[in-house]
Each structure stands twice: as C-alpha cells, then as structure tokens.
N, C-alpha and C. Protein backbone atom coordinates (compact mmCIF):
# COMPACT_ATOMS: atom_id res chain seq x y z
N VAL A 1 -20.63 41.14 -50.26
CA VAL A 1 -21.14 41.61 -48.97
C VAL A 1 -20.25 41.06 -47.86
N GLN A 2 -19.86 41.94 -46.95
CA GLN A 2 -19.07 41.53 -45.79
C GLN A 2 -19.92 41.71 -44.54
N LEU A 3 -19.77 40.76 -43.63
CA LEU A 3 -20.54 40.77 -42.39
C LEU A 3 -19.59 40.76 -41.21
N GLN A 4 -19.83 41.66 -40.27
CA GLN A 4 -19.01 41.75 -39.06
C GLN A 4 -19.90 41.60 -37.85
N ALA A 5 -19.74 40.49 -37.16
CA ALA A 5 -20.56 40.21 -35.98
C ALA A 5 -19.79 40.53 -34.71
N SER A 6 -20.54 40.89 -33.68
CA SER A 6 -19.94 41.17 -32.38
C SER A 6 -20.97 40.96 -31.29
N GLY A 7 -20.50 40.92 -30.05
CA GLY A 7 -21.42 40.89 -28.92
C GLY A 7 -21.49 39.59 -28.15
N GLY A 8 -20.80 38.56 -28.59
CA GLY A 8 -20.83 37.31 -27.85
C GLY A 8 -20.10 37.43 -26.53
N GLY A 9 -20.19 36.36 -25.75
CA GLY A 9 -19.50 36.36 -24.47
C GLY A 9 -20.00 35.27 -23.56
N LEU A 10 -19.60 35.39 -22.30
CA LEU A 10 -19.98 34.43 -21.28
C LEU A 10 -21.00 35.07 -20.35
N VAL A 11 -22.08 34.36 -20.11
CA VAL A 11 -23.14 34.90 -19.25
C VAL A 11 -23.73 33.74 -18.44
N GLN A 12 -24.26 34.06 -17.27
CA GLN A 12 -24.92 33.05 -16.47
C GLN A 12 -26.33 32.78 -16.99
N ALA A 13 -26.82 31.61 -16.70
CA ALA A 13 -28.19 31.27 -17.08
C ALA A 13 -29.16 32.31 -16.52
N GLY A 14 -30.11 32.69 -17.37
CA GLY A 14 -31.05 33.74 -17.00
C GLY A 14 -30.62 35.13 -17.41
N GLY A 15 -29.38 35.25 -17.84
CA GLY A 15 -28.86 36.54 -18.24
C GLY A 15 -29.21 36.90 -19.67
N SER A 16 -28.65 38.02 -20.12
CA SER A 16 -28.94 38.55 -21.45
C SER A 16 -27.66 38.92 -22.18
N LEU A 17 -27.73 38.86 -23.49
CA LEU A 17 -26.67 39.34 -24.37
C LEU A 17 -27.33 39.94 -25.60
N ARG A 18 -26.63 40.86 -26.24
CA ARG A 18 -27.10 41.38 -27.52
C ARG A 18 -26.00 41.21 -28.56
N LEU A 19 -26.33 40.56 -29.64
CA LEU A 19 -25.42 40.40 -30.76
C LEU A 19 -25.73 41.45 -31.82
N SER A 20 -24.69 41.87 -32.50
CA SER A 20 -24.83 42.82 -33.61
C SER A 20 -24.11 42.27 -34.83
N CYS A 21 -24.62 42.59 -36.00
CA CYS A 21 -23.95 42.20 -37.24
C CYS A 21 -24.13 43.32 -38.25
N ALA A 22 -23.02 43.87 -38.68
CA ALA A 22 -23.04 44.96 -39.65
C ALA A 22 -22.69 44.43 -41.03
N ALA A 23 -23.51 44.77 -42.01
CA ALA A 23 -23.27 44.38 -43.39
C ALA A 23 -22.70 45.56 -44.16
N SER A 24 -21.76 45.28 -45.03
CA SER A 24 -21.19 46.32 -45.89
C SER A 24 -20.96 45.74 -47.28
N GLY A 25 -20.80 46.63 -48.23
CA GLY A 25 -20.60 46.20 -49.60
C GLY A 25 -21.84 46.45 -50.45
N SER A 26 -22.12 45.55 -51.39
CA SER A 26 -23.24 45.72 -52.32
C SER A 26 -24.52 45.20 -51.68
N ILE A 27 -25.21 46.09 -50.99
CA ILE A 27 -26.40 45.70 -50.23
C ILE A 27 -27.62 45.75 -51.15
N PHE A 28 -28.34 44.65 -51.22
CA PHE A 28 -29.56 44.56 -52.00
C PHE A 28 -30.73 44.99 -51.13
N SER A 29 -31.61 45.82 -51.67
CA SER A 29 -32.67 46.40 -50.85
C SER A 29 -33.64 45.36 -50.31
N GLY A 30 -33.84 44.27 -51.02
CA GLY A 30 -34.78 43.25 -50.57
C GLY A 30 -34.11 42.11 -49.83
N ASN A 31 -33.14 42.42 -49.01
CA ASN A 31 -32.38 41.35 -48.38
C ASN A 31 -33.04 40.81 -47.12
N VAL A 32 -32.58 39.66 -46.73
CA VAL A 32 -32.98 39.04 -45.46
C VAL A 32 -31.70 38.78 -44.67
N MET A 33 -31.70 39.19 -43.44
CA MET A 33 -30.55 38.92 -42.56
C MET A 33 -31.01 38.06 -41.41
N GLY A 34 -30.09 37.30 -40.88
CA GLY A 34 -30.49 36.40 -39.81
C GLY A 34 -29.34 35.90 -38.99
N TRP A 35 -29.71 35.12 -38.00
CA TRP A 35 -28.74 34.50 -37.11
C TRP A 35 -28.97 32.99 -37.10
N TYR A 36 -27.87 32.28 -37.16
CA TYR A 36 -27.87 30.84 -37.02
C TYR A 36 -26.87 30.51 -35.91
N ARG A 37 -26.95 29.30 -35.41
CA ARG A 37 -26.00 28.90 -34.39
C ARG A 37 -25.60 27.44 -34.57
N GLN A 38 -24.41 27.14 -34.07
CA GLN A 38 -23.91 25.77 -34.14
C GLN A 38 -23.25 25.43 -32.82
N ALA A 39 -23.82 24.43 -32.17
CA ALA A 39 -23.26 23.93 -30.91
C ALA A 39 -22.29 22.80 -31.24
N PRO A 40 -21.35 22.51 -30.34
CA PRO A 40 -20.39 21.42 -30.58
C PRO A 40 -21.09 20.11 -30.89
N GLY A 41 -20.68 19.48 -31.98
CA GLY A 41 -21.25 18.20 -32.35
C GLY A 41 -22.62 18.25 -32.99
N LYS A 42 -23.12 19.45 -33.23
CA LYS A 42 -24.46 19.58 -33.81
C LYS A 42 -24.40 20.35 -35.12
N GLN A 43 -25.46 20.23 -35.89
CA GLN A 43 -25.54 20.97 -37.15
C GLN A 43 -25.92 22.42 -36.88
N ARG A 44 -25.56 23.26 -37.82
CA ARG A 44 -25.95 24.66 -37.73
C ARG A 44 -27.48 24.74 -37.86
N GLU A 45 -28.08 25.58 -37.02
CA GLU A 45 -29.54 25.70 -37.02
C GLU A 45 -29.97 27.15 -37.05
N LEU A 46 -31.16 27.36 -37.58
CA LEU A 46 -31.74 28.69 -37.62
C LEU A 46 -32.06 29.18 -36.22
N VAL A 47 -31.77 30.45 -35.96
CA VAL A 47 -32.21 31.11 -34.73
C VAL A 47 -33.35 32.08 -35.07
N ALA A 48 -33.06 33.02 -35.96
CA ALA A 48 -34.07 34.01 -36.35
C ALA A 48 -33.63 34.71 -37.62
N THR A 49 -34.62 35.15 -38.40
CA THR A 49 -34.34 35.94 -39.59
C THR A 49 -35.28 37.15 -39.62
N ILE A 50 -34.84 38.17 -40.36
CA ILE A 50 -35.66 39.37 -40.51
C ILE A 50 -35.47 39.93 -41.91
N HIS A 51 -36.60 40.18 -42.58
CA HIS A 51 -36.57 40.79 -43.89
C HIS A 51 -36.36 42.29 -43.72
N ASN A 52 -35.90 42.95 -44.76
CA ASN A 52 -35.63 44.38 -44.61
C ASN A 52 -36.91 45.18 -44.41
N VAL A 53 -38.10 44.58 -44.71
CA VAL A 53 -39.35 45.29 -44.44
C VAL A 53 -39.89 44.95 -43.05
N GLY A 54 -39.16 44.09 -42.34
CA GLY A 54 -39.49 43.87 -40.94
C GLY A 54 -40.10 42.54 -40.57
N SER A 55 -40.52 41.73 -41.51
CA SER A 55 -41.10 40.43 -41.15
C SER A 55 -40.03 39.53 -40.55
N THR A 56 -40.42 38.79 -39.53
CA THR A 56 -39.47 37.98 -38.78
C THR A 56 -39.88 36.51 -38.73
N ASN A 57 -38.88 35.68 -38.42
CA ASN A 57 -39.10 34.25 -38.27
C ASN A 57 -38.17 33.76 -37.17
N TYR A 58 -38.70 32.94 -36.25
CA TYR A 58 -37.91 32.47 -35.12
C TYR A 58 -37.97 30.95 -35.02
N ALA A 59 -36.89 30.37 -34.52
CA ALA A 59 -36.93 28.98 -34.12
C ALA A 59 -37.81 28.86 -32.87
N ASN A 60 -38.53 27.76 -32.77
CA ASN A 60 -39.42 27.57 -31.62
C ASN A 60 -38.66 27.65 -30.30
N SER A 61 -37.42 27.20 -30.30
CA SER A 61 -36.65 27.14 -29.07
C SER A 61 -36.30 28.51 -28.50
N VAL A 62 -36.39 29.55 -29.32
CA VAL A 62 -36.01 30.89 -28.85
C VAL A 62 -37.16 31.88 -28.83
N LYS A 63 -38.31 31.46 -29.34
CA LYS A 63 -39.46 32.37 -29.32
C LYS A 63 -39.75 32.82 -27.90
N ASP A 64 -40.11 34.07 -27.75
CA ASP A 64 -40.46 34.69 -26.47
C ASP A 64 -39.24 34.98 -25.60
N ARG A 65 -38.05 34.59 -26.07
CA ARG A 65 -36.82 34.91 -25.33
C ARG A 65 -35.89 35.80 -26.15
N PHE A 66 -35.83 35.57 -27.45
CA PHE A 66 -34.94 36.30 -28.34
C PHE A 66 -35.76 37.25 -29.21
N THR A 67 -35.17 38.38 -29.54
CA THR A 67 -35.80 39.34 -30.44
C THR A 67 -34.79 39.79 -31.49
N ILE A 68 -35.16 39.62 -32.75
CA ILE A 68 -34.31 40.09 -33.84
C ILE A 68 -34.85 41.43 -34.33
N SER A 69 -33.95 42.32 -34.63
CA SER A 69 -34.34 43.63 -35.16
C SER A 69 -33.25 44.12 -36.09
N ARG A 70 -33.53 45.21 -36.79
CA ARG A 70 -32.51 45.72 -37.72
C ARG A 70 -32.65 47.22 -37.88
N ASP A 71 -31.54 47.81 -38.26
CA ASP A 71 -31.47 49.23 -38.61
C ASP A 71 -31.07 49.29 -40.08
N ASN A 72 -32.04 49.53 -40.93
CA ASN A 72 -31.76 49.50 -42.37
C ASN A 72 -30.83 50.63 -42.80
N ALA A 73 -30.90 51.74 -42.12
CA ALA A 73 -30.03 52.87 -42.48
C ALA A 73 -28.56 52.51 -42.25
N LYS A 74 -28.31 51.66 -41.25
CA LYS A 74 -26.94 51.29 -40.93
C LYS A 74 -26.59 49.89 -41.44
N ASN A 75 -27.57 49.18 -41.99
CA ASN A 75 -27.37 47.79 -42.43
C ASN A 75 -26.86 46.92 -41.29
N VAL A 76 -27.49 47.06 -40.16
CA VAL A 76 -27.12 46.29 -38.97
C VAL A 76 -28.31 45.48 -38.50
N VAL A 77 -28.05 44.24 -38.13
CA VAL A 77 -29.08 43.39 -37.54
C VAL A 77 -28.65 43.06 -36.11
N TYR A 78 -29.63 43.02 -35.22
CA TYR A 78 -29.37 42.75 -33.82
C TYR A 78 -30.12 41.49 -33.38
N LEU A 79 -29.57 40.85 -32.38
CA LEU A 79 -30.27 39.74 -31.74
C LEU A 79 -30.19 39.96 -30.23
N GLN A 80 -31.32 40.34 -29.65
CA GLN A 80 -31.40 40.50 -28.21
C GLN A 80 -31.80 39.16 -27.62
N MET A 81 -30.94 38.64 -26.77
CA MET A 81 -31.16 37.31 -26.19
C MET A 81 -31.37 37.47 -24.69
N ASN A 82 -32.56 37.13 -24.24
CA ASN A 82 -32.90 37.19 -22.82
C ASN A 82 -33.18 35.80 -22.28
N SER A 83 -33.18 35.69 -20.97
CA SER A 83 -33.47 34.41 -20.32
C SER A 83 -32.63 33.29 -20.92
N LEU A 84 -31.36 33.54 -21.06
CA LEU A 84 -30.46 32.57 -21.71
C LEU A 84 -30.36 31.29 -20.90
N LYS A 85 -30.24 30.19 -21.63
CA LYS A 85 -30.14 28.86 -21.05
C LYS A 85 -28.81 28.24 -21.47
N PRO A 86 -28.31 27.29 -20.69
CA PRO A 86 -27.07 26.61 -21.10
C PRO A 86 -27.16 26.00 -22.50
N GLU A 87 -28.33 25.55 -22.90
CA GLU A 87 -28.48 24.98 -24.24
C GLU A 87 -28.42 26.01 -25.36
N ASP A 88 -28.36 27.28 -25.02
CA ASP A 88 -28.15 28.32 -26.02
C ASP A 88 -26.66 28.49 -26.35
N THR A 89 -25.81 27.80 -25.61
CA THR A 89 -24.38 27.88 -25.87
C THR A 89 -24.05 27.37 -27.27
N ALA A 90 -23.38 28.21 -28.04
CA ALA A 90 -23.07 27.87 -29.44
C ALA A 90 -22.25 29.00 -30.03
N VAL A 91 -21.75 28.75 -31.22
CA VAL A 91 -21.18 29.82 -32.03
C VAL A 91 -22.33 30.36 -32.88
N TYR A 92 -22.54 31.66 -32.82
CA TYR A 92 -23.63 32.31 -33.53
C TYR A 92 -23.07 32.98 -34.79
N TYR A 93 -23.75 32.73 -35.90
CA TYR A 93 -23.32 33.24 -37.20
C TYR A 93 -24.39 34.17 -37.78
N CYS A 94 -23.92 35.25 -38.35
CA CYS A 94 -24.79 36.17 -39.06
C CYS A 94 -24.87 35.75 -40.52
N ASP A 95 -26.05 35.90 -41.09
CA ASP A 95 -26.29 35.46 -42.47
C ASP A 95 -26.96 36.57 -43.25
N TYR A 96 -26.63 36.67 -44.53
CA TYR A 96 -27.23 37.67 -45.43
C TYR A 96 -27.65 36.96 -46.71
N GLN A 97 -28.89 37.18 -47.08
CA GLN A 97 -29.42 36.67 -48.34
C GLN A 97 -30.03 37.82 -49.13
N PRO A 98 -29.95 37.83 -50.45
CA PRO A 98 -29.48 36.76 -51.33
C PRO A 98 -27.96 36.68 -51.42
N GLY A 99 -27.48 35.54 -51.82
CA GLY A 99 -26.06 35.35 -52.03
C GLY A 99 -25.39 34.43 -51.04
N ASN A 100 -26.10 34.07 -49.94
CA ASN A 100 -25.56 33.11 -48.98
C ASN A 100 -24.24 33.60 -48.37
N TYR A 101 -24.25 34.79 -47.85
CA TYR A 101 -23.07 35.36 -47.19
C TYR A 101 -23.14 35.05 -45.69
N TRP A 102 -21.97 34.74 -45.14
CA TRP A 102 -21.88 34.42 -43.73
C TRP A 102 -20.78 35.24 -43.08
N GLY A 103 -21.04 35.67 -41.86
CA GLY A 103 -20.00 36.32 -41.09
C GLY A 103 -19.23 35.30 -40.27
N LYS A 104 -18.11 35.73 -39.72
CA LYS A 104 -17.40 34.88 -38.77
C LYS A 104 -18.27 34.76 -37.52
N GLY A 105 -18.24 33.64 -36.91
CA GLY A 105 -19.08 33.40 -35.76
C GLY A 105 -18.62 34.13 -34.53
N THR A 106 -19.55 34.28 -33.61
CA THR A 106 -19.23 34.84 -32.30
C THR A 106 -19.73 33.86 -31.24
N GLN A 107 -18.87 33.58 -30.28
CA GLN A 107 -19.17 32.55 -29.29
C GLN A 107 -20.09 33.10 -28.20
N VAL A 108 -21.13 32.34 -27.92
CA VAL A 108 -22.01 32.63 -26.78
C VAL A 108 -21.94 31.43 -25.86
N THR A 109 -21.58 31.67 -24.61
CA THR A 109 -21.49 30.61 -23.62
C THR A 109 -22.36 30.97 -22.43
N VAL A 110 -23.27 30.06 -22.10
CA VAL A 110 -24.19 30.28 -20.98
C VAL A 110 -23.87 29.25 -19.90
N SER A 111 -23.46 29.72 -18.76
CA SER A 111 -23.10 28.82 -17.67
C SER A 111 -24.32 28.57 -16.77
N SER A 112 -24.36 27.38 -16.22
CA SER A 112 -25.51 27.01 -15.36
C SER A 112 -25.26 27.39 -13.91
C-alpha cells in the first residue's frame, strides 16, 4: 500500500487547513486510516482514525476542532482542521492499517 499525503502549509492561529491522503495498491476492505503528528522534540501521537465503515476516534486535544472523513470509492482520507492553534504545529503523517503503512509527512505550521 502506498500513501500520498497533501494539504499542509502555513496558517495563522484560528485558521483552517484540510489534509488529504490517497491510498493505492492492495487495499483491504476492512482497513483503518488515520492521521498522526509529530512535533519537534516530541513523540508521534494519534490525531484521528476512521474505519472504512465510518467509525472514528479522536485525540482529546483535537475533538470539536478537527474532522476526519473518507471517500472509500477513491481510497482517500481527509482531515479538516479548524480553529488551529500554534500547538497543532507538527509534521502530520497518514497511516493505513492493517500492515502499518505510513505516508511521507506533510508539515503544518500555525503561527500565533
């Protein structure tokens, strides 16, 4: 499975960004896709995940601000990020399970 992420960038606090991640290759129907992030000097942490049937899971720090969704026909997962804060600054990685596949990260920088 190959993952191609896009959509990162620089935004002011309070702004919005949408990340996209397209999966290709041998896609398993019961997969879970998600987003993780890693800030400088910190461990990679969960942001949100979504099962292909739609169930979702969010980190407490992003609940009510971020929304994960997916288009199963296109094998694409999205992360809509609203009300961004400087502490959301990190490299965001797309993840696909089963198999522990990771995409290259995309940088999100939120200025104060």
